[in-house]
Protein backbone atom coordinates (compact mmCIF):
# COMPACT_ATOMS: atom_id res chain seq x y z
CA UNK A 1 0.00 0.00 0.00
CA UNK A 2 1.37 3.44 -0.99
CA UNK A 3 1.65 6.28 1.53
CA UNK A 4 -1.05 8.24 -0.36
CA UNK A 5 -3.48 5.32 -0.27
CA UNK A 6 -2.75 4.76 3.43
CA UNK A 7 -3.48 8.44 4.25
CA UNK A 8 -6.69 8.27 2.23
CA UNK A 9 -7.81 5.21 4.20
CA UNK A 10 -7.17 7.08 7.47
CA UNK A 11 -9.15 10.09 6.29
CA UNK A 12 -12.06 7.87 5.26
CA UNK A 13 -12.08 6.22 8.68
CA UNK A 14 -12.44 9.62 10.36
CA UNK A 15 -15.67 10.35 8.49
CA UNK A 16 -17.31 7.12 9.74
CA UNK A 17 -16.11 7.28 13.33
CA UNK A 18 -18.74 6.77 16.05
CA UNK A 19 -17.51 8.07 19.42
CA UNK A 20 -20.06 6.21 21.53
CA UNK A 21 -18.66 3.63 24.02
CA UNK A 22 -19.13 0.12 22.72
CA UNK A 23 -19.49 1.33 19.15
CA UNK A 24 -18.07 -0.85 16.39
CA UNK A 25 -15.54 1.21 14.46
CA UNK A 26 -12.97 0.60 11.74
CA UNK A 27 -9.28 0.99 12.33
CA UNK A 28 -6.07 0.54 10.38
CA UNK A 29 -3.02 -1.39 11.55
CA UNK A 30 -0.05 0.97 11.64
CA UNK A 31 2.49 -1.17 13.52
CA UNK A 32 3.08 -4.84 14.44
CA UNK A 33 5.28 -6.51 17.07
CA UNK A 34 5.33 -10.05 18.44
CA UNK A 35 3.12 -8.97 21.39
CA UNK A 36 1.18 -5.87 20.24
CA UNK A 37 -0.81 -4.51 17.30
CA UNK A 38 -1.00 -0.71 16.96
CA UNK A 39 -4.31 0.43 15.44
CA UNK A 40 -5.20 3.96 14.28
CA UNK A 41 -8.91 4.71 14.64
CA UNK A 42 -8.82 8.41 13.68
CA UNK A 43 -8.37 9.90 17.15
CA UNK A 44 -5.44 11.89 18.57
CA UNK A 45 -3.75 8.79 19.91
CA UNK A 46 -3.20 5.34 18.49
CA UNK A 47 -4.40 2.25 20.36
CA UNK A 48 -2.35 -0.76 21.42
CA UNK A 49 -4.15 -4.11 21.29
CA UNK A 50 -2.56 -7.42 22.48
CA UNK A 51 -1.72 -9.52 19.48
CA UNK A 52 -3.45 -12.51 21.12
CA UNK A 53 -6.80 -10.77 20.30
CA UNK A 54 -6.03 -11.25 16.61
CA UNK A 55 -5.61 -15.05 16.70
CA UNK A 56 -8.71 -15.61 14.63
CA UNK A 57 -7.51 -13.08 12.05
CA UNK A 58 -4.12 -14.76 11.80
CA UNK A 59 -5.79 -18.11 11.28
CA UNK A 60 -6.95 -16.85 7.89
CA UNK A 61 -3.68 -15.17 6.99
CA UNK A 62 -0.81 -13.07 8.28
CA UNK A 63 -1.52 -9.60 9.61
CA UNK A 64 0.05 -6.70 7.69
CA UNK A 65 0.45 -3.00 8.25
CA UNK A 66 -2.39 -1.26 6.45
CA UNK A 67 -4.96 -4.02 7.10
CA UNK A 68 -8.38 -2.64 8.05
CA UNK A 69 -9.93 -4.24 11.12
CA UNK A 70 -13.13 -3.81 13.12
CA UNK A 71 -12.67 -2.91 16.79
CA UNK A 72 -14.97 -2.04 19.70
CA UNK A 73 -14.51 1.39 21.29
CA UNK A 74 -14.11 0.95 25.05
CA UNK A 75 -12.88 4.41 26.11
CA UNK A 76 -11.97 7.70 24.40
CA UNK A 77 -9.06 9.46 26.13
CA UNK A 78 -9.09 7.16 29.21
CA UNK A 79 -7.32 9.76 31.39
CA UNK A 80 -3.89 8.67 30.34
CA UNK A 81 -4.11 10.13 26.87
CA UNK A 82 -4.96 6.77 25.32
CA UNK A 83 -7.90 5.41 23.41
CA UNK A 84 -8.84 1.86 24.46
CA UNK A 85 -10.28 -0.45 21.84
CA UNK A 86 -10.81 -4.22 21.66
CA UNK A 87 -10.65 -6.57 18.73
CA UNK A 88 -12.15 -9.50 20.69
CA UNK A 89 -15.29 -7.59 21.69
CA UNK A 90 -15.78 -6.47 18.14
CA UNK A 91 -15.67 -10.07 16.99
CA UNK A 92 -17.76 -11.46 19.85
CA UNK A 93 -21.28 -10.79 18.48
CA UNK A 94 -20.21 -11.72 14.99
CA UNK A 95 -18.65 -14.95 16.32
CA UNK A 96 -21.88 -16.03 18.03
CA UNK A 97 -23.77 -15.45 14.77
CA UNK A 98 -21.21 -17.60 12.94
CA UNK A 99 -21.45 -20.33 15.60
CA UNK A 100 -25.24 -20.40 15.42
CA UNK A 101 -25.08 -20.65 11.64
CA UNK A 102 -22.44 -23.43 11.85
CA UNK A 103 -24.63 -25.44 14.26
CA UNK A 104 -27.65 -25.07 11.97
CA UNK A 105 -25.92 -25.78 8.66
CA UNK A 106 -23.11 -28.11 9.77
CA UNK A 107 -20.49 -25.82 8.32
CA UNK A 108 -16.99 -25.88 9.79
CA UNK A 109 -15.60 -23.10 11.95
CA UNK A 110 -11.93 -22.37 12.67
CA UNK A 111 -10.61 -22.06 16.21
CA UNK A 112 -7.34 -21.73 18.12
CA UNK A 113 -6.56 -24.44 20.71
CA UNK A 114 -5.21 -22.29 23.53
CA UNK A 115 -4.66 -24.86 26.25
CA UNK A 116 -5.69 -27.99 28.14
CA UNK A 117 -8.27 -28.34 30.91
CA UNK A 118 -9.63 -31.29 32.81
CA UNK A 119 -11.46 -33.52 30.37
CA UNK A 120 -10.37 -31.79 27.18
CA UNK A 121 -9.08 -28.55 25.63
CA UNK A 122 -10.04 -24.88 25.39
CA UNK A 123 -10.61 -23.38 21.93
CA UNK A 124 -10.73 -19.67 21.08
CA UNK A 125 -13.29 -19.12 18.28
CA UNK A 126 -12.83 -15.47 17.27
CA UNK A 127 -13.08 -14.30 20.87
CA UNK A 128 -15.58 -16.88 22.09
CA UNK A 129 -14.33 -19.50 24.56
CA UNK A 130 -15.34 -23.04 23.54
CA UNK A 131 -14.77 -26.50 25.01
CA UNK A 132 -13.33 -29.47 23.06
CA UNK A 133 -13.94 -32.75 25.00
CA UNK A 134 -11.03 -35.21 25.05
CA UNK A 135 -13.17 -37.88 23.40
CA UNK A 136 -13.82 -35.55 20.45
CA UNK A 137 -10.24 -34.40 19.86
CA UNK A 138 -9.33 -37.06 17.33
CA UNK A 139 -10.84 -39.96 15.45
CA UNK A 140 -8.30 -42.26 17.10
CA UNK A 141 -7.39 -42.57 20.80
CA UNK A 142 -4.45 -40.36 21.79
CA UNK A 143 -2.28 -40.54 24.89
CA UNK A 144 -1.38 -36.88 24.59
CA UNK A 145 -2.89 -33.76 23.01
CA UNK A 146 0.31 -31.73 23.33
CA UNK A 147 0.98 -31.65 19.60
CA UNK A 148 -2.37 -29.85 18.99
CA UNK A 149 -1.91 -27.14 21.59
CA UNK A 150 -1.27 -23.62 20.19
CA UNK A 151 -2.54 -24.59 16.72
CA UNK A 152 -5.52 -23.60 14.53
CA UNK A 153 -7.94 -26.40 13.66
CA UNK A 154 -11.29 -26.86 11.96
CA UNK A 155 -14.26 -27.91 14.14
CA UNK A 156 -17.92 -28.76 14.03
CA UNK A 157 -20.28 -27.14 16.54
CA UNK A 158 -22.26 -29.84 18.36
CA UNK A 159 -23.75 -27.82 21.26
CA UNK A 160 -24.48 -24.12 21.75
CA UNK A 161 -26.04 -22.12 24.63
CA UNK A 162 -25.46 -18.37 24.33
CA UNK A 163 -27.11 -17.50 27.64
CA UNK A 164 -24.76 -19.81 29.54
CA UNK A 165 -21.86 -19.04 27.17
CA UNK A 166 -21.54 -22.76 26.56
CA UNK A 167 -19.97 -23.93 23.29
CA UNK A 168 -18.94 -27.54 22.63
CA UNK A 169 -16.90 -28.45 19.54
CA UNK A 170 -15.75 -31.62 17.82
CA UNK A 171 -12.59 -32.09 15.82
CA UNK A 172 -13.28 -35.82 15.51
CA UNK A 173 -16.43 -35.16 13.43
CA UNK A 174 -14.42 -33.08 10.96
CA UNK A 175 -11.89 -35.89 10.50
CA UNK A 176 -14.57 -38.52 10.09
CA UNK A 177 -16.37 -36.48 7.43
CA UNK A 178 -13.18 -35.78 5.51
CA UNK A 179 -12.03 -39.39 5.65
CA UNK A 180 -15.29 -41.23 5.17
CA UNK A 181 -15.12 -41.43 1.37
CA UNK A 182 -11.44 -42.38 1.27
CA UNK A 183 -11.99 -44.79 4.14
CA UNK A 184 -14.67 -46.63 2.23
CA UNK A 185 -12.36 -47.05 -0.75
CA UNK A 186 -9.50 -48.37 1.42
CA UNK A 187 -11.70 -50.69 3.48
CA UNK A 188 -13.12 -52.16 0.27
CA UNK A 189 -9.70 -53.26 -0.95
CA UNK A 190 -7.61 -53.86 2.18
CA UNK A 191 -6.83 -57.35 3.50
CA UNK A 192 -4.39 -58.87 5.99
CA UNK A 193 -0.97 -59.51 4.49
CA UNK A 194 -1.31 -56.89 1.76
CA UNK A 195 1.15 -54.05 1.25
CA UNK A 196 0.03 -50.44 1.64
CA UNK A 197 1.75 -47.06 1.48
CA UNK A 198 1.37 -44.36 4.09
CA UNK A 199 2.87 -41.35 5.80
CA UNK A 200 3.93 -41.18 9.44
CA UNK A 201 1.69 -38.50 10.99
CA UNK A 202 2.23 -38.89 14.73
CA UNK A 203 4.65 -40.65 17.10
CA UNK A 204 3.71 -41.90 20.57
CA UNK A 205 5.46 -43.94 23.26
CA UNK A 206 3.70 -47.09 22.07
CA UNK A 207 4.02 -46.67 18.30
CA UNK A 208 3.18 -44.48 15.32
CA UNK A 209 -0.02 -43.43 13.54
CA UNK A 210 0.14 -43.70 9.78
CA UNK A 211 -2.00 -41.74 7.32
CA UNK A 212 -3.09 -44.24 4.70
CA UNK A 213 -4.93 -41.61 2.65
CA UNK A 214 -8.12 -40.84 4.52
CA UNK A 215 -7.78 -43.42 7.25
CA UNK A 216 -5.22 -44.04 9.98
CA UNK A 217 -3.35 -47.23 10.75
CA UNK A 218 -1.43 -48.06 13.92
CA UNK A 219 2.18 -49.21 13.72
CA UNK A 220 2.97 -50.63 17.16
CA UNK A 221 6.48 -50.09 18.51
CA UNK A 222 7.12 -53.86 18.51
CA UNK A 223 6.34 -54.01 14.77
CA UNK A 224 8.70 -51.23 13.69
CA UNK A 225 11.97 -53.19 13.74
CA UNK A 226 13.20 -56.62 14.80
CA UNK A 227 15.59 -55.10 17.31
CA UNK A 228 14.62 -53.50 20.63
CA UNK A 229 13.93 -49.74 20.63
CA UNK A 230 12.78 -47.44 23.42
CA UNK A 231 10.82 -45.00 21.27
CA UNK A 232 9.65 -44.91 17.62
CA UNK A 233 11.59 -41.68 17.08
CA UNK A 234 14.79 -43.75 17.13
CA UNK A 235 13.79 -45.12 13.72
CA UNK A 236 10.95 -42.98 12.34
CA UNK A 237 10.21 -39.30 11.70
CA UNK A 238 6.89 -37.53 11.19
CA UNK A 239 6.42 -37.14 7.44
CA UNK A 240 8.28 -40.33 6.44
CA UNK A 241 6.58 -42.03 3.49
CA UNK A 242 6.96 -45.80 3.69
CA UNK A 243 5.48 -49.11 2.66
CA UNK A 244 3.82 -51.27 5.33
CA UNK A 245 2.32 -54.72 5.67
CA UNK A 246 -1.24 -55.02 6.99
CA UNK A 247 -0.88 -57.35 10.00
CA UNK A 248 -4.48 -57.14 11.21
CA UNK A 249 -7.74 -55.65 9.91
CA UNK A 250 -10.80 -55.48 12.16
CA UNK A 251 -13.73 -54.76 9.85
CA UNK A 252 -16.21 -54.29 12.69
CA UNK A 253 -14.09 -51.81 14.64
CA UNK A 254 -12.50 -50.46 11.44
CA UNK A 255 -9.00 -50.75 12.86
CA UNK A 256 -5.88 -51.35 10.82
CA UNK A 257 -2.69 -52.68 12.37
CA UNK A 258 0.50 -52.28 10.37
CA UNK A 259 3.94 -53.81 10.41
CA UNK A 260 7.24 -52.49 9.10
CA UNK A 261 9.64 -55.17 10.31
CA UNK A 262 7.52 -57.82 8.56
CA UNK A 263 8.87 -56.56 5.22
CA UNK A 264 12.23 -58.22 6.04
CA UNK A 265 13.10 -61.75 7.17
CA UNK A 266 13.03 -62.52 10.88
CA UNK A 267 16.69 -62.63 11.97
CA UNK A 268 15.73 -64.87 14.89
CA UNK A 269 14.87 -67.78 12.59
CA UNK A 270 18.54 -68.61 12.01
CA UNK A 271 20.14 -66.65 14.84
CA UNK A 272 21.93 -69.67 16.35
CA UNK A 273 23.58 -70.31 13.00
CA UNK A 274 24.64 -66.70 12.67
CA UNK A 275 25.74 -66.29 16.29
CA UNK A 276 26.67 -69.69 17.82
CA UNK A 277 26.99 -70.01 21.59
CA UNK A 278 30.53 -69.10 22.82
CA UNK A 279 31.37 -67.39 19.54
CA UNK A 280 33.05 -63.97 19.70
CA UNK A 281 31.86 -61.01 17.60
CA UNK A 282 32.32 -57.28 17.18
CA UNK A 283 29.31 -55.35 18.52
CA UNK A 284 28.35 -51.69 18.68
CA UNK A 285 27.16 -50.23 22.01
CA UNK A 286 23.61 -48.94 21.41
CA UNK A 287 22.40 -47.96 24.89
CA UNK A 288 23.55 -47.99 28.52
CA UNK A 289 21.50 -48.85 31.61
CA UNK A 290 22.17 -49.24 35.34
CA UNK A 291 22.20 -53.04 34.98
CA UNK A 292 24.43 -53.27 31.90
CA UNK A 293 24.57 -52.15 28.27
CA UNK A 294 23.02 -53.23 24.97
CA UNK A 295 25.17 -53.95 21.93
CA UNK A 296 24.16 -54.52 18.29
CA UNK A 297 25.49 -57.67 16.67
CA UNK A 298 23.97 -56.51 13.38
CA UNK A 299 21.28 -54.06 12.24
CA UNK A 300 18.46 -56.30 13.53
CA UNK A 301 20.06 -58.21 16.41
CA UNK A 302 20.88 -56.75 19.79
CA UNK A 303 22.07 -58.37 23.01
CA UNK A 304 22.53 -57.42 26.64
CA UNK A 305 25.89 -57.40 28.41
CA UNK A 306 24.84 -57.62 32.06
CA UNK A 307 26.90 -55.67 34.57
CA UNK A 308 28.17 -58.99 36.01
CA UNK A 309 29.58 -59.95 32.58
CA UNK A 310 31.60 -56.78 31.97
CA UNK A 311 34.68 -57.40 34.12
CA UNK A 312 36.08 -60.46 35.92
CA UNK A 313 37.02 -58.61 39.07
CA UNK A 314 34.92 -55.43 39.36
CA UNK A 315 31.29 -56.47 39.81
CA UNK A 316 29.84 -53.10 40.77
CA UNK A 317 31.40 -50.79 38.19
CA UNK A 318 28.86 -48.69 36.27
CA UNK A 319 28.74 -49.59 32.55
CA UNK A 320 29.28 -45.94 31.58
CA UNK A 321 32.74 -46.12 33.18
CA UNK A 322 33.72 -48.85 30.72
CA UNK A 323 31.91 -48.12 27.44
CA UNK A 324 30.19 -45.26 25.61
CA UNK A 325 27.36 -45.31 23.08
CA UNK A 326 28.83 -46.00 19.66
CA UNK A 327 31.87 -47.92 20.97
CA UNK A 328 32.77 -51.13 19.15
CA UNK A 329 33.63 -53.94 21.57
CA UNK A 330 34.36 -57.68 21.49
CA UNK A 331 31.59 -59.79 23.02
CA UNK A 332 30.91 -63.49 23.45
CA UNK A 333 27.46 -65.02 22.89
CA UNK A 334 26.55 -66.66 26.22
CA UNK A 335 22.88 -67.55 25.79
CA UNK A 336 20.08 -67.24 23.23
CA UNK A 337 16.40 -67.39 24.22
CA UNK A 338 14.48 -67.54 20.93
CA UNK A 339 11.07 -67.58 22.63
CA UNK A 340 11.77 -64.38 24.59
CA UNK A 341 14.01 -63.01 21.81
CA UNK A 342 16.88 -62.32 24.15
CA UNK A 343 20.61 -62.62 23.58
CA UNK A 344 22.93 -62.64 26.58
CA UNK A 345 26.43 -61.38 25.84
CA UNK A 346 29.64 -61.25 27.85
CA UNK A 347 32.58 -58.91 27.47
CA UNK A 348 34.85 -60.33 30.18
CA UNK A 349 34.81 -63.76 28.49
CA UNK A 350 36.90 -62.29 25.66
CA UNK A 351 39.78 -61.95 28.14
CA UNK A 352 41.71 -64.45 30.28
CA UNK A 353 39.82 -65.58 33.38
CA UNK A 354 42.12 -64.68 36.32
CA UNK A 355 40.25 -67.09 38.63
CA UNK A 356 41.04 -70.08 36.39
CA UNK A 357 44.62 -68.88 35.98
CA UNK A 358 45.05 -68.67 39.75
CA UNK A 359 43.59 -72.16 40.27
CA UNK A 360 45.97 -73.57 37.67
CA UNK A 361 49.03 -71.94 39.22
CA UNK A 362 48.23 -72.56 42.92
CA UNK A 363 47.19 -75.47 45.16
CA UNK A 364 45.57 -75.93 48.54
CA UNK A 365 48.08 -75.35 51.33
CA UNK A 366 50.23 -72.97 49.30
CA UNK A 367 51.34 -69.77 51.02
CA UNK A 368 50.57 -66.53 49.11
CA UNK A 369 51.31 -62.86 49.72
CA UNK A 370 49.06 -59.85 49.15
CA UNK A 371 47.86 -56.52 50.46
CA UNK A 372 44.77 -56.09 52.61
CA UNK A 373 42.24 -54.46 50.27
CA UNK A 374 39.32 -54.16 52.65
CA UNK A 375 38.17 -55.23 56.12
CA UNK A 376 34.51 -56.16 56.60
CA UNK A 377 32.30 -57.46 59.39
CA UNK A 378 33.05 -61.04 58.35
CA UNK A 379 36.68 -60.96 57.27
CA UNK A 380 39.48 -59.42 55.20
CA UNK A 381 39.92 -59.38 51.42
CA UNK A 382 43.49 -59.90 50.26
CA UNK A 383 44.64 -58.80 46.79
CA UNK A 384 46.14 -61.67 44.77
CA UNK A 385 47.77 -62.14 41.36
CA UNK A 386 45.41 -61.34 38.46
CA UNK A 387 43.76 -58.47 40.36
CA UNK A 388 41.47 -60.89 42.21
CA UNK A 389 40.67 -61.11 45.92
CA UNK A 390 40.84 -63.90 48.45
CA UNK A 391 38.86 -63.90 51.70
CA UNK A 392 40.30 -64.52 55.15
CA UNK A 393 37.32 -65.17 57.39
CA UNK A 394 37.53 -63.68 60.89
CA UNK A 395 37.64 -67.20 62.34
CA UNK A 396 40.83 -67.90 60.37
CA UNK A 397 42.85 -64.94 61.70
CA UNK A 398 44.16 -66.35 65.00
CA UNK A 399 44.19 -69.59 67.00
CA UNK A 400 44.00 -68.00 70.42
CA UNK A 401 42.67 -64.44 70.03
CA UNK A 402 39.00 -63.54 69.70
CA UNK A 403 37.86 -62.43 66.24
CA UNK A 404 37.46 -58.84 67.43
CA UNK A 405 40.97 -58.77 68.90
CA UNK A 406 42.58 -60.52 65.94
CA UNK A 407 41.19 -58.22 63.24
CA UNK A 408 42.51 -55.15 65.07
CA UNK A 409 46.04 -56.35 64.29
CA UNK A 410 45.53 -55.63 60.56
CA UNK A 411 45.01 -52.49 58.48
CA UNK A 412 44.24 -51.65 54.86
CA UNK A 413 47.20 -51.90 52.42
CA UNK A 414 49.18 -54.00 54.93
CA UNK A 415 51.08 -56.84 53.24
CA UNK A 416 50.31 -60.24 54.74
CA UNK A 417 50.92 -63.93 54.10
CA UNK A 418 48.12 -66.49 54.08
CA UNK A 419 47.54 -70.18 53.39
CA UNK A 420 45.16 -71.23 50.59
CA UNK A 421 42.26 -73.12 52.19
CA UNK A 422 39.93 -73.38 49.19
CA UNK A 423 39.74 -72.50 45.47
CA UNK A 424 36.48 -72.39 43.44
CA UNK A 425 37.14 -70.64 40.11
CA UNK A 426 33.56 -71.15 38.87
CA UNK A 427 32.06 -69.35 41.86
CA UNK A 428 35.03 -66.96 41.83
CA UNK A 429 35.92 -67.66 45.45
CA UNK A 430 39.29 -68.15 47.15
CA UNK A 431 39.40 -68.92 50.88
CA UNK A 432 42.55 -68.01 52.81
CA UNK A 433 43.76 -68.48 56.37
CA UNK A 434 46.37 -66.62 58.39
CA UNK A 435 46.29 -68.64 61.60
CA UNK A 436 47.11 -71.76 59.57
CA UNK A 437 50.62 -70.36 59.05
CA UNK A 438 51.46 -71.59 62.58
CA UNK A 439 50.72 -74.78 64.55
CA UNK A 440 47.55 -74.91 66.59
CA UNK A 441 48.88 -75.19 70.18
CA UNK A 442 45.50 -76.20 71.54
CA UNK A 443 45.03 -78.95 68.96
CA UNK A 444 48.46 -80.40 69.74
CA UNK A 445 47.78 -80.25 73.49
CA UNK A 446 44.38 -81.93 73.03
CA UNK A 447 45.94 -84.77 71.03
CA UNK A 448 48.64 -85.36 73.65
CA UNK A 449 46.25 -85.12 76.61
CA UNK A 450 43.04 -87.01 75.81
CA UNK A 451 40.15 -87.70 78.16
CA UNK A 452 41.34 -89.39 81.38
CA UNK A 453 44.73 -87.67 81.47
CA UNK A 454 45.84 -86.37 84.89
CA UNK A 455 47.03 -82.73 84.70
CA UNK A 456 48.32 -80.12 87.14
CA UNK A 457 48.43 -76.35 86.81
CA UNK A 458 48.08 -73.06 88.73
CA UNK A 459 44.76 -71.25 89.15
CA UNK A 460 44.65 -68.31 86.73
CA UNK A 461 41.30 -66.85 87.84
CA UNK A 462 38.18 -67.68 89.83
CA UNK A 463 34.80 -67.03 88.25
CA UNK A 464 31.25 -67.30 89.56
CA UNK A 465 30.77 -70.91 88.50
CA UNK A 466 34.18 -72.16 87.39
CA UNK A 467 37.85 -71.96 88.24
CA UNK A 468 40.29 -71.48 85.34
CA UNK A 469 43.60 -73.41 85.32
CA UNK A 470 46.69 -72.61 83.23
CA UNK A 471 47.65 -75.96 81.70
CA UNK A 472 50.28 -74.61 79.26
CA UNK A 473 50.88 -71.56 77.09
CA UNK A 474 47.58 -70.60 75.38
CA UNK A 475 45.72 -73.62 76.89
CA UNK A 476 43.16 -73.07 79.63
CA UNK A 477 41.31 -75.66 81.69
CA UNK A 478 38.21 -75.15 83.80
CA UNK A 479 36.78 -76.88 86.87
CA UNK A 480 33.30 -76.34 88.32
CA UNK A 481 33.61 -74.32 91.50
CA UNK A 482 31.13 -76.54 93.35
CA UNK A 483 33.74 -79.32 93.45
CA UNK A 484 35.70 -77.36 96.09
CA UNK A 485 32.88 -76.69 98.55
CA UNK A 486 34.33 -74.57 101.38
CA UNK A 487 37.99 -75.14 100.52
CA UNK A 488 38.10 -72.65 97.61
CA UNK A 489 41.57 -72.26 96.04
CA UNK A 490 43.17 -68.88 95.25
CA UNK A 491 44.98 -67.61 92.18
CA UNK A 492 48.37 -69.31 91.87
CA UNK A 493 47.36 -72.43 93.81
CA UNK A 494 48.32 -75.62 91.99
CA UNK A 495 45.41 -77.93 91.23
CA UNK A 496 45.67 -81.53 90.06
CA UNK A 497 42.65 -82.85 88.20
CA UNK A 498 41.50 -85.21 85.45
CA UNK A 499 40.58 -84.35 81.80
CA UNK A 500 36.84 -85.12 81.38
CA UNK A 501 36.32 -83.64 77.85
CA UNK A 502 37.80 -81.29 75.24
CA UNK A 503 35.76 -78.19 74.29
CA UNK A 504 37.22 -77.48 70.82
CA UNK A 505 34.66 -74.78 69.98
CA UNK A 506 35.63 -72.63 72.98
CA UNK A 507 39.19 -74.04 73.00
CA UNK A 508 39.07 -75.13 76.64
CA UNK A 509 39.81 -78.35 78.56
CA UNK A 510 37.13 -79.50 80.98
CA UNK A 511 38.68 -80.81 84.23
CA UNK A 512 37.38 -82.45 87.42
CA UNK A 513 38.90 -83.06 90.85
CA UNK A 514 36.01 -85.43 91.66
CA UNK A 515 36.83 -87.46 88.58
CA UNK A 516 40.47 -87.66 89.63
CA UNK A 517 39.48 -88.85 93.11
CA UNK A 518 37.14 -91.48 91.67
CA UNK A 519 39.84 -92.59 89.29
CA UNK A 520 42.31 -92.88 92.16
CA UNK A 521 39.76 -94.83 94.22
CA UNK A 522 39.24 -97.25 91.37
CA UNK A 523 42.98 -97.73 91.02
CA UNK A 524 43.29 -98.35 94.77
CA UNK A 525 40.46 -100.89 94.65
CA UNK A 526 42.12 -102.65 91.75
CA UNK A 527 45.41 -102.77 93.64
CA UNK A 528 43.71 -104.21 96.76
CA UNK A 529 41.89 -106.83 94.74
CA UNK A 530 45.14 -107.82 93.09
CA UNK A 531 46.95 -108.12 96.45
CA UNK A 532 44.13 -110.20 97.97
CA UNK A 533 44.23 -112.57 95.06
CA UNK A 534 47.97 -112.98 95.46
CA UNK A 535 47.70 -113.64 99.26
CA UNK A 536 44.87 -116.08 98.65
CA UNK A 537 46.92 -117.88 96.07
CA UNK A 538 49.94 -118.02 98.28
CA UNK A 539 47.83 -119.22 101.26
CA UNK A 540 46.25 -122.03 99.29
CA UNK A 541 49.64 -123.22 98.15
CA UNK A 542 51.05 -123.38 101.74
CA UNK A 543 48.12 -125.48 103.12
CA UNK A 544 48.37 -127.92 100.27
CA UNK A 545 52.06 -128.39 100.84
CA UNK A 546 51.49 -129.17 104.54
CA UNK A 547 48.80 -131.75 103.79
CA UNK A 548 50.99 -133.38 101.21
CA UNK A 549 53.86 -133.57 103.67
CA UNK A 550 51.63 -135.27 106.29
CA UNK A 551 50.48 -137.80 103.71
CA UNK A 552 54.03 -138.54 102.72
CA UNK A 553 55.06 -139.08 106.38
CA UNK A 554 52.15 -141.46 107.01
CA UNK A 555 53.11 -143.54 104.06
CA UNK A 556 56.65 -143.97 105.31
CA UNK A 557 55.41 -145.33 108.65
């Protein structure tokens, strides 16, 4: 528009200006910004109107300087030197007339979806607020309406009450009308297994909707590709034009299910031939999780390297510390579950197993050296060759000290020697012992002094129920205190008693003075019986000799 024409339009507007409040007047757009529209209505000052009031105008085309628009006069010189006008109020009455006509004739109206509310969405129809129920948003069920927000759409009016300012719209009805003819053509020719072309129109978490030319088909995420994906956007883009296979067609519900992966052979049919168990392959890291990482063996086959199969020695390392997405790594096929379509892979198996190497190079009873790597509630882990650990249980630290006392003698990074007590490379366990480096004094004492042995030793302490006797270095005996009655011994007194049993668990020798006395009594009785038998034997022999002598004398006479 030329400057002369623009001035003429302004002059013409002055001649038609109605200064009454609420009057509908014409104005000309003289300036545009992203937030405001400046309109000249022929008064001393120009009026600023929020650009949001022109949404309906912009639905039909872009606003331009020089465009003539109808506005409602709200105030002339409002006290601040400004003239207040409104585009929305000017459109309001006209919008209601258009809505009434659309309800009667079935014509479409255009509206701006301004936001979401409970149960649906709010639509601005040229200044009139309307409600779009969630069930009438689309001809297909949608998990989200986000992609429609802040967009212009065509609607049908299905309910109108001007007194209550109640307007209900349907976008679904518009789609069904537009697609009905095309839908009938497609439904007449479609059948399961046939190929059909379409365009990706929307992506969701569970798949993609495909425009088949008047009717939509659903491509579920599991039918996009043979390999595992987390979202369709990893493979597809809105607007992609592709061929699909019809996997299911429900004529009654008019639903079409599509497949994309079905256009290629199922790689799982011959997967064991392509990737035999224990075979090693190059694989590309495709995603990383807390429990491991996924790696592609080929474009359609992916396997999981569990966190336990990453490294022989470090079981808790996070996968991201070892690999990155896109890395190419060597993996071994550990297991294939065709039914569940799962491939288990291992990365550590492509390297020497340090547990097997250790078992091949060492035997039970061997003495090894290593540093204390950690001390736990149940023992100490000792670093061994091959960057593996062996466990010294608390019970294997000392023969004579308690577990609590023994473990205090060691500290992290301290070098120690230990005896190999057990090796299980398959369970990745090595048992070590430190006390086994020396002879068990108690065990030797117990072997040399079995039950029934008479022992002597000084009293080391007197408890509530028992008296403790020092039998030798690191060997303690105990006698029940009730055996002494009123004649209770003191520390240092020598006590002679008899071994009644060996308490190997508590490493103590059970003693008894009563048992010794009984044993001595038995020995005394045995000795007396033996002497009596000897006297009896000797007596019988003497009497017999005398009788024989008398008989011999009688015979001589």
